Amino acid sequence: MKTVAQEQAIFHKDEDIPGTEMLPDAPTTDERRFAVDFVNNPACPLHRFIGNDHARRKLAEAAFVALKRGNHCCKELSVFLSGPPSVGKTALAKLFAELLGLPFVEVQPRSIVNVNDLFTAICFQMGEQELPVVAVRGSKSYRLPPCIIFVDEVHGLSQKVVDALLTACEGKARTFTTERGEVVDCRYVSWFIATTEAGDLFDAFESRFDEVALRYYTREELAQIVRLNNPDLDMSVCRVIAKFQRLPRKLLRFATSMRNKKEMHPDMSWDAVALEVAKDNGIDEHGMGGKHLDIIKALKKKPVAKDRLPVMIGVKKPELEKKLMPLLLCSTADQPALVEVGSDGYRLTDAGAKELALRGL
């Protein structure tokens, strides 16, 4: 019976996998350059991702090389997507897979207890896409086909699964071994990991993955996201909608609510519809939710200690730190941060003070 080391040695020798070589009759440089041109080529999947151009450029450059291979594998690329919730981490990875024509596998940490679970989840999704994992040698050695595997909220994985992921994207071997003794060849996998809690990420990930930090969207970018999903709406209407939400998922739900209300009340103007829907969602006429407004009101006179603020506004600390404060602390090209953190706790910025003045507070 072969040991795990002997099984892995088989993978080391097996380098001549058809389809991974650079093809002499591959698309020309100009053809590949146009295929990944997310600015000028509407057919490029990355064209449908708004903003964060630095992230799109990085993926476009990797795809440019991969498209010359027979099977489009992008084995050199391991990406760590960081950033706040709802900035499109999963969407970006899916569009990259679409650009390369590769299967996309999404792994949710809450369903992964051990390495067996990881391999089972991958096999299940491959099977659903009619791309079964290939048995290489014997009954316990497998090779994953070229694909994109996306692991969301990776900080939630157990140490054992983390160790498996690290070996899966390290060196020439690039294998992981399950608790059942299955050895899985990952040399043709492009791994994407993502987290909203970059501070909780294991340090070892940072040395093996290229970090791509996604940022919040400007109002104009949010309007473009609305237009992309509602091409029949005038851009002026999309800008009205973008005023009331800063997270894309919530923004698109807001747009749907506006469309429904407009259909019920066709004589109402879009501005009036927006105000009605905002009111229904606890958002004021200037686009701020009630809890966010409570925070900047609490900071009007003086800074407030981090532990004290949740008590003052009546929320739990995790909700304050993970759901409410990120939007107030972030800064974009058209929206400066409303709150900052100092040695004395949270404090109001000049932009935050202007928001209060706008409301006569």
Protein backbone atom coordinates (compact mmCIF):
# COMPACT_ATOMS: atom_id res chain seq x y z
CA MET A 1 0.00 0.00 0.00
CA LYS A 2 1.38 3.41 -0.99
CA THR A 3 1.95 6.06 1.63
CA VAL A 4 0.58 9.59 1.20
CA ALA A 5 4.10 10.75 0.27
CA GLN A 6 4.30 8.09 -2.45
CA GLU A 7 0.91 9.10 -3.80
CA GLN A 8 2.06 12.73 -3.98
CA ALA A 9 5.27 11.66 -5.72
CA ILE A 10 3.13 10.27 -8.55
CA PHE A 11 1.68 13.73 -9.08
CA HIS A 12 5.16 15.25 -9.19
CA LYS A 13 6.09 13.05 -12.17
CA ASP A 14 2.84 13.54 -14.07
CA GLU A 15 3.48 16.89 -15.77
CA ASP A 16 2.31 16.17 -19.31
CA ILE A 17 -1.40 16.79 -18.88
CA PRO A 18 -2.99 17.54 -22.27
CA GLY A 19 -4.38 21.00 -22.64
CA THR A 20 -2.11 22.85 -20.23
CA GLU A 21 0.58 23.71 -22.76
CA MET A 22 0.71 27.04 -24.59
CA LEU A 23 -0.86 26.45 -27.98
CA PRO A 24 0.95 27.53 -31.14
CA ASP A 25 -2.43 28.21 -32.79
CA ALA A 26 -3.90 30.03 -29.77
CA PRO A 27 -5.73 33.32 -30.28
CA THR A 28 -3.36 36.06 -31.37
CA THR A 29 -2.06 38.67 -28.98
CA ASP A 30 -4.53 41.23 -30.35
CA GLU A 31 -7.44 38.79 -30.05
CA ARG A 32 -6.60 37.93 -26.48
CA ARG A 33 -6.01 41.58 -25.61
CA PHE A 34 -9.47 42.47 -26.94
CA ALA A 35 -11.07 39.50 -25.15
CA VAL A 36 -9.91 40.84 -21.77
CA ASP A 37 -10.48 44.54 -22.54
CA PHE A 38 -13.19 45.28 -19.96
CA VAL A 39 -13.32 48.96 -20.93
CA ASN A 40 -13.89 48.76 -24.69
CA ASN A 41 -15.25 45.24 -25.17
CA PRO A 42 -18.83 44.85 -23.83
CA ALA A 43 -18.57 41.10 -24.45
CA CYS A 44 -15.82 40.80 -21.83
CA PRO A 45 -17.48 39.51 -18.63
CA LEU A 46 -15.38 41.91 -16.53
CA HIS A 47 -17.15 44.73 -18.39
CA ARG A 48 -20.20 43.90 -16.25
CA PHE A 49 -18.32 44.60 -13.02
CA ILE A 50 -18.51 48.27 -12.11
CA GLY A 51 -15.60 50.07 -10.47
CA ASN A 52 -12.52 48.69 -8.69
CA ASP A 53 -10.55 48.92 -11.94
CA HIS A 54 -7.32 47.86 -10.22
CA ALA A 55 -8.89 44.47 -9.45
CA ARG A 56 -10.22 44.05 -12.98
CA ARG A 57 -6.82 44.92 -14.47
CA LYS A 58 -5.08 42.26 -12.37
CA LEU A 59 -7.53 39.57 -13.45
CA ALA A 60 -7.49 40.70 -17.07
CA GLU A 61 -3.70 40.38 -17.18
CA ALA A 62 -3.87 36.85 -15.75
CA ALA A 63 -6.61 35.88 -18.22
CA PHE A 64 -4.53 37.22 -21.12
CA VAL A 65 -1.91 34.55 -20.41
CA ALA A 66 -4.38 31.76 -19.56
CA LEU A 67 -6.33 32.19 -22.82
CA LYS A 68 -3.28 31.00 -24.73
CA ARG A 69 -3.44 27.60 -23.02
CA GLY A 70 -5.49 24.80 -24.48
CA ASN A 71 -7.66 24.51 -21.37
CA HIS A 72 -7.42 28.14 -20.17
CA CYS A 73 -6.14 27.09 -16.74
CA CYS A 74 -4.82 29.94 -14.63
CA LYS A 75 -2.70 27.89 -12.26
CA GLU A 76 -0.34 30.73 -11.29
CA LEU A 77 -3.09 32.88 -9.79
CA SER A 78 -4.12 32.72 -6.12
CA VAL A 79 -6.13 35.74 -5.02
CA PHE A 80 -7.17 37.06 -1.62
CA LEU A 81 -10.13 39.42 -2.04
CA SER A 82 -10.57 41.71 0.93
CA GLY A 83 -13.09 44.45 1.54
CA PRO A 84 -16.42 45.25 3.18
CA PRO A 85 -19.59 43.24 2.58
CA SER A 86 -21.46 43.61 -0.70
CA VAL A 87 -18.65 45.08 -2.82
CA GLY A 88 -18.78 42.17 -5.27
CA LYS A 89 -16.09 39.71 -4.19
CA THR A 90 -18.09 36.65 -5.28
CA ALA A 91 -19.35 38.36 -8.43
CA LEU A 92 -15.82 39.29 -9.51
CA ALA A 93 -14.56 35.71 -9.12
CA LYS A 94 -17.57 34.37 -11.08
CA LEU A 95 -16.98 36.80 -13.92
CA PHE A 96 -13.32 35.80 -14.07
CA ALA A 97 -14.36 32.15 -14.38
CA GLU A 98 -16.80 33.13 -17.14
CA LEU A 99 -14.06 35.02 -18.98
CA LEU A 100 -11.89 31.90 -19.01
CA GLY A 101 -14.76 29.51 -19.63
CA LEU A 102 -13.88 27.54 -16.50
CA PRO A 103 -16.16 25.94 -13.90
CA PHE A 104 -16.79 28.02 -10.80
CA VAL A 105 -16.92 26.32 -7.40
CA GLU A 106 -18.03 28.25 -4.30
CA VAL A 107 -17.20 26.94 -0.83
CA GLN A 108 -19.01 28.28 2.25
CA PRO A 109 -17.01 27.83 5.49
CA ARG A 110 -20.11 27.21 7.61
CA SER A 111 -20.62 23.91 5.75
CA ILE A 112 -16.96 22.85 6.01
CA VAL A 113 -15.93 21.17 9.26
CA ASN A 114 -12.95 19.19 8.00
CA VAL A 115 -10.92 18.52 4.85
CA ASN A 116 -13.28 15.69 3.85
CA ASP A 117 -16.08 18.26 3.71
CA LEU A 118 -13.97 20.54 1.53
CA PHE A 119 -13.29 17.81 -1.03
CA THR A 120 -16.90 16.61 -0.94
CA ALA A 121 -18.19 20.13 -1.60
CA ILE A 122 -15.82 20.55 -4.54
CA CYS A 123 -16.76 17.15 -6.03
CA PHE A 124 -20.48 17.84 -5.65
CA GLN A 125 -20.32 21.15 -7.51
CA MET A 126 -18.07 19.69 -10.19
CA GLY A 127 -20.57 16.88 -10.68
CA GLU A 128 -23.42 19.36 -11.01
CA GLN A 129 -21.49 21.01 -13.84
CA GLU A 130 -20.86 17.60 -15.42
CA LEU A 131 -17.13 17.93 -14.80
CA PRO A 132 -16.30 15.02 -12.50
CA VAL A 133 -13.03 14.98 -10.60
CA VAL A 134 -10.59 12.62 -12.31
CA ALA A 135 -9.08 9.61 -10.52
CA VAL A 136 -5.39 9.61 -11.37
CA ARG A 137 -3.78 6.58 -9.73
CA GLY A 138 -5.67 4.09 -7.61
CA SER A 139 -8.82 4.80 -5.67
CA LYS A 140 -7.52 7.56 -3.42
CA SER A 141 -5.71 9.90 -5.80
CA TYR A 142 -7.58 12.59 -7.70
CA ARG A 143 -6.88 15.51 -9.98
CA LEU A 144 -9.08 18.59 -10.07
CA PRO A 145 -9.65 19.98 -13.59
CA PRO A 146 -8.84 23.61 -14.41
CA CYS A 147 -11.35 25.65 -12.43
CA ILE A 148 -11.87 28.63 -10.16
CA ILE A 149 -12.53 27.70 -6.52
CA PHE A 150 -13.87 30.53 -4.37
CA VAL A 151 -13.80 30.25 -0.57
CA ASP A 152 -15.85 32.97 1.10
CA GLU A 153 -15.26 34.26 4.65
CA VAL A 154 -12.13 32.16 4.80
CA HIS A 155 -11.35 33.37 8.33
CA GLY A 156 -14.17 31.09 9.52
CA LEU A 157 -12.38 27.87 8.52
CA SER A 158 -10.82 25.50 11.05
CA GLN A 159 -7.04 25.33 11.31
CA LYS A 160 -7.05 21.86 9.74
CA VAL A 161 -8.87 23.09 6.62
CA VAL A 162 -6.67 26.18 6.48
CA ASP A 163 -3.57 23.99 6.46
CA ALA A 164 -5.05 21.96 3.59
CA LEU A 165 -5.73 25.11 1.58
CA LEU A 166 -2.21 26.35 2.14
CA THR A 167 -0.66 23.13 0.83
CA ALA A 168 -3.07 23.20 -2.10
CA CYS A 169 -1.51 26.39 -3.45
CA GLU A 170 2.09 25.92 -2.37
CA GLY A 171 5.07 24.90 -4.50
CA LYS A 172 4.98 22.38 -7.36
CA ALA A 173 3.06 19.69 -5.49
CA ARG A 174 -0.07 21.74 -4.79
CA THR A 175 -2.03 18.90 -3.23
CA PHE A 176 -4.11 18.46 -0.12
CA THR A 177 -4.91 15.26 1.75
CA THR A 178 -8.27 14.48 3.36
CA GLU A 179 -8.83 12.67 6.64
CA ARG A 180 -9.81 9.63 4.55
CA GLY A 181 -6.34 9.60 2.98
CA GLU A 182 -7.46 10.96 -0.41
CA VAL A 183 -4.74 12.96 -2.14
CA VAL A 184 -6.11 15.77 -4.32
CA ASP A 185 -4.00 17.37 -7.06
CA CYS A 186 -4.79 21.10 -7.28
CA ARG A 187 -2.11 22.22 -9.73
CA TYR A 188 -4.66 23.49 -12.25
CA VAL A 189 -6.89 25.28 -9.78
CA SER A 190 -6.98 29.04 -9.37
CA TRP A 191 -7.93 29.69 -5.75
CA PHE A 192 -9.85 32.79 -4.69
CA ILE A 193 -10.35 33.41 -0.98
CA ALA A 194 -12.37 36.27 0.46
CA THR A 195 -13.07 37.85 3.81
CA THR A 196 -14.69 40.91 5.32
CA GLU A 197 -12.46 40.45 8.38
CA ALA A 198 -8.95 40.86 7.01
CA GLY A 199 -7.58 41.29 10.54
CA ASP A 200 -8.70 37.75 11.41
CA LEU A 201 -6.96 36.17 8.43
CA PHE A 202 -4.16 33.71 9.08
CA ASP A 203 -0.78 35.31 8.30
CA ALA A 204 0.23 32.36 6.12
CA PHE A 205 -2.47 33.27 3.59
CA GLU A 206 -0.90 36.66 2.97
CA SER A 207 2.38 35.12 1.79
CA ARG A 208 0.68 32.70 -0.63
CA PHE A 209 -2.10 34.85 -2.06
CA ASP A 210 -2.05 38.16 -3.91
CA GLU A 211 -4.29 40.55 -1.98
CA VAL A 212 -6.79 42.57 -3.99
CA ALA A 213 -8.62 45.06 -1.79
CA LEU A 214 -12.07 46.06 -3.04
CA ARG A 215 -13.47 49.41 -1.94
CA TYR A 216 -16.88 50.97 -1.56
CA TYR A 217 -18.49 52.52 -4.63
CA THR A 218 -18.93 56.16 -5.50
CA ARG A 219 -22.46 57.44 -6.11
CA GLU A 220 -21.84 57.50 -9.86
CA GLU A 221 -20.63 53.90 -9.81
CA LEU A 222 -23.71 52.91 -7.82
CA ALA A 223 -25.87 54.60 -10.46
CA GLN A 224 -24.06 52.58 -13.13
CA ILE A 225 -24.79 49.36 -11.19
CA VAL A 226 -28.48 50.28 -11.14
CA ARG A 227 -28.41 51.00 -14.89
CA LEU A 228 -26.61 47.73 -15.63
CA ASN A 229 -29.41 45.81 -13.90
CA ASN A 230 -32.19 48.12 -15.13
CA PRO A 231 -31.18 49.11 -18.68
CA ASP A 232 -34.60 50.62 -19.40
CA LEU A 233 -34.20 53.28 -16.69
CA ASP A 234 -32.82 56.69 -17.57
CA MET A 235 -29.45 57.45 -15.99
CA SER A 236 -30.96 60.41 -14.15
CA VAL A 237 -33.37 58.02 -12.40
CA CYS A 238 -30.49 55.67 -11.57
CA ARG A 239 -28.69 58.58 -9.89
CA VAL A 240 -31.76 59.31 -7.79
CA ILE A 241 -31.84 55.66 -6.66
CA ALA A 242 -28.10 55.66 -5.90
CA LYS A 243 -28.62 58.45 -3.38
CA PHE A 244 -30.41 56.15 -0.94
CA GLN A 245 -28.18 53.08 -0.64
CA ARG A 246 -24.42 52.46 -0.68
CA LEU A 247 -24.36 48.65 -0.79
CA PRO A 248 -25.16 47.10 -4.20
CA ARG A 249 -27.44 44.33 -2.92
CA LYS A 250 -29.54 46.77 -0.90
CA LEU A 251 -29.38 49.28 -3.74
CA LEU A 252 -30.88 46.84 -6.25
CA ARG A 253 -33.63 45.85 -3.80
CA PHE A 254 -34.36 49.55 -3.35
CA ALA A 255 -34.57 49.95 -7.14
CA THR A 256 -37.02 47.05 -7.35
CA SER A 257 -39.20 48.60 -4.66
CA MET A 258 -39.19 51.88 -6.56
CA ARG A 259 -40.21 50.17 -9.79
CA ASN A 260 -43.08 48.40 -8.03
CA LYS A 261 -44.35 51.61 -6.46
CA LYS A 262 -44.02 53.49 -9.74
CA GLU A 263 -46.07 50.81 -11.49
CA MET A 264 -48.79 51.17 -8.85
CA HIS A 265 -48.67 54.97 -8.97
CA PRO A 266 -47.64 55.96 -12.52
CA ASP A 267 -48.50 59.62 -11.92
CA MET A 268 -45.90 59.98 -9.18
CA SER A 269 -42.52 61.41 -10.16
CA TRP A 270 -39.45 59.25 -9.66
CA ASP A 271 -38.23 61.70 -6.99
CA ALA A 272 -41.49 61.31 -5.08
CA VAL A 273 -41.34 57.54 -5.46
CA ALA A 274 -37.78 57.51 -4.09
CA LEU A 275 -38.80 59.50 -1.02
CA GLU A 276 -41.75 57.20 -0.35
CA VAL A 277 -39.62 54.06 -0.62
CA ALA A 278 -36.88 55.65 1.51
CA LYS A 279 -39.42 56.44 4.21
CA ASP A 280 -40.68 52.85 4.12
CA ASN A 281 -37.08 51.69 4.70
CA GLY A 282 -36.24 54.09 7.51
CA ILE A 283 -34.07 56.34 5.35
CA ASP A 284 -34.40 60.13 5.45
CA GLU A 285 -34.74 62.43 2.46
CA HIS A 286 -30.98 62.97 2.31
CA GLY A 287 -30.21 59.26 2.08
CA MET A 288 -29.20 58.34 5.63
CA GLY A 289 -30.65 55.51 7.68
CA GLY A 290 -31.97 56.14 11.18
CA LYS A 291 -29.25 54.24 13.07
CA HIS A 292 -26.47 55.96 11.13
CA LEU A 293 -28.05 59.31 11.91
CA ASP A 294 -28.28 58.36 15.60
CA ILE A 295 -24.54 57.68 15.60
CA ILE A 296 -23.47 61.03 14.19
CA LYS A 297 -25.95 62.81 16.47
CA ALA A 298 -24.39 61.04 19.45
CA LEU A 299 -20.96 62.29 18.36
CA LYS A 300 -22.04 65.89 17.81
CA LYS A 301 -20.70 67.38 21.05
CA LYS A 302 -17.64 65.23 21.75
CA PRO A 303 -15.96 61.92 20.93
CA VAL A 304 -17.46 58.79 22.45
CA ALA A 305 -15.53 55.73 23.62
CA LYS A 306 -15.98 52.61 21.50
CA ASP A 307 -17.52 50.63 24.35
CA ARG A 308 -19.87 53.45 25.28
CA LEU A 309 -21.38 54.20 21.87
CA PRO A 310 -23.41 50.96 21.50
CA VAL A 311 -25.16 51.75 24.80
CA MET A 312 -25.91 55.32 23.74
CA ILE A 313 -27.63 54.35 20.49
CA GLY A 314 -29.18 51.10 21.70
CA VAL A 315 -27.42 48.48 19.56
CA LYS A 316 -25.09 45.61 20.30
CA LYS A 317 -21.36 46.08 19.77
CA PRO A 318 -21.07 43.57 16.87
CA GLU A 319 -23.86 45.34 14.96
CA LEU A 320 -22.18 48.70 15.52
CA GLU A 321 -18.71 47.56 14.47
CA LYS A 322 -19.60 45.23 11.60
CA LYS A 323 -22.76 46.69 10.08
CA LEU A 324 -23.08 50.36 10.97
CA MET A 325 -19.64 51.91 11.39
CA PRO A 326 -17.99 50.67 8.17
CA LEU A 327 -20.19 52.93 6.02
CA LEU A 328 -19.51 55.94 8.24
CA LEU A 329 -15.76 55.30 8.43
CA CYS A 330 -15.20 54.69 4.72
CA SER A 331 -14.16 57.36 2.27
CA THR A 332 -14.68 57.44 -1.49
CA ALA A 333 -13.88 59.99 -4.18
CA ASP A 334 -17.24 61.71 -3.74
CA GLN A 335 -18.02 60.95 -0.09
CA PRO A 336 -15.55 61.67 2.72
CA ALA A 337 -15.76 59.67 5.93
CA LEU A 338 -18.35 60.97 8.39
CA VAL A 339 -16.69 59.40 11.45
CA GLU A 340 -13.09 58.74 12.40
CA VAL A 341 -11.39 56.80 15.18
CA GLY A 342 -9.06 58.53 17.61
CA SER A 343 -7.41 57.75 20.92
CA ASP A 344 -10.56 58.95 22.67
CA GLY A 345 -12.92 56.79 20.62
CA TYR A 346 -15.22 57.62 17.73
CA ARG A 347 -15.36 61.26 16.68
CA LEU A 348 -17.30 63.25 14.09
CA THR A 349 -15.46 64.55 11.02
CA ASP A 350 -16.16 67.86 9.30
CA ALA A 351 -18.15 65.95 6.68
CA GLY A 352 -20.21 64.37 9.46
CA ALA A 353 -20.89 67.79 10.97
CA LYS A 354 -22.08 69.01 7.54
CA GLU A 355 -24.53 66.11 7.38
CA LEU A 356 -26.02 67.23 10.70
CA ALA A 357 -26.19 70.83 9.51
CA LEU A 358 -27.95 69.70 6.32
CA ARG A 359 -30.68 68.30 8.56
CA GLY A 360 -30.80 71.32 10.84
CA LEU A 361 -29.39 69.34 13.77
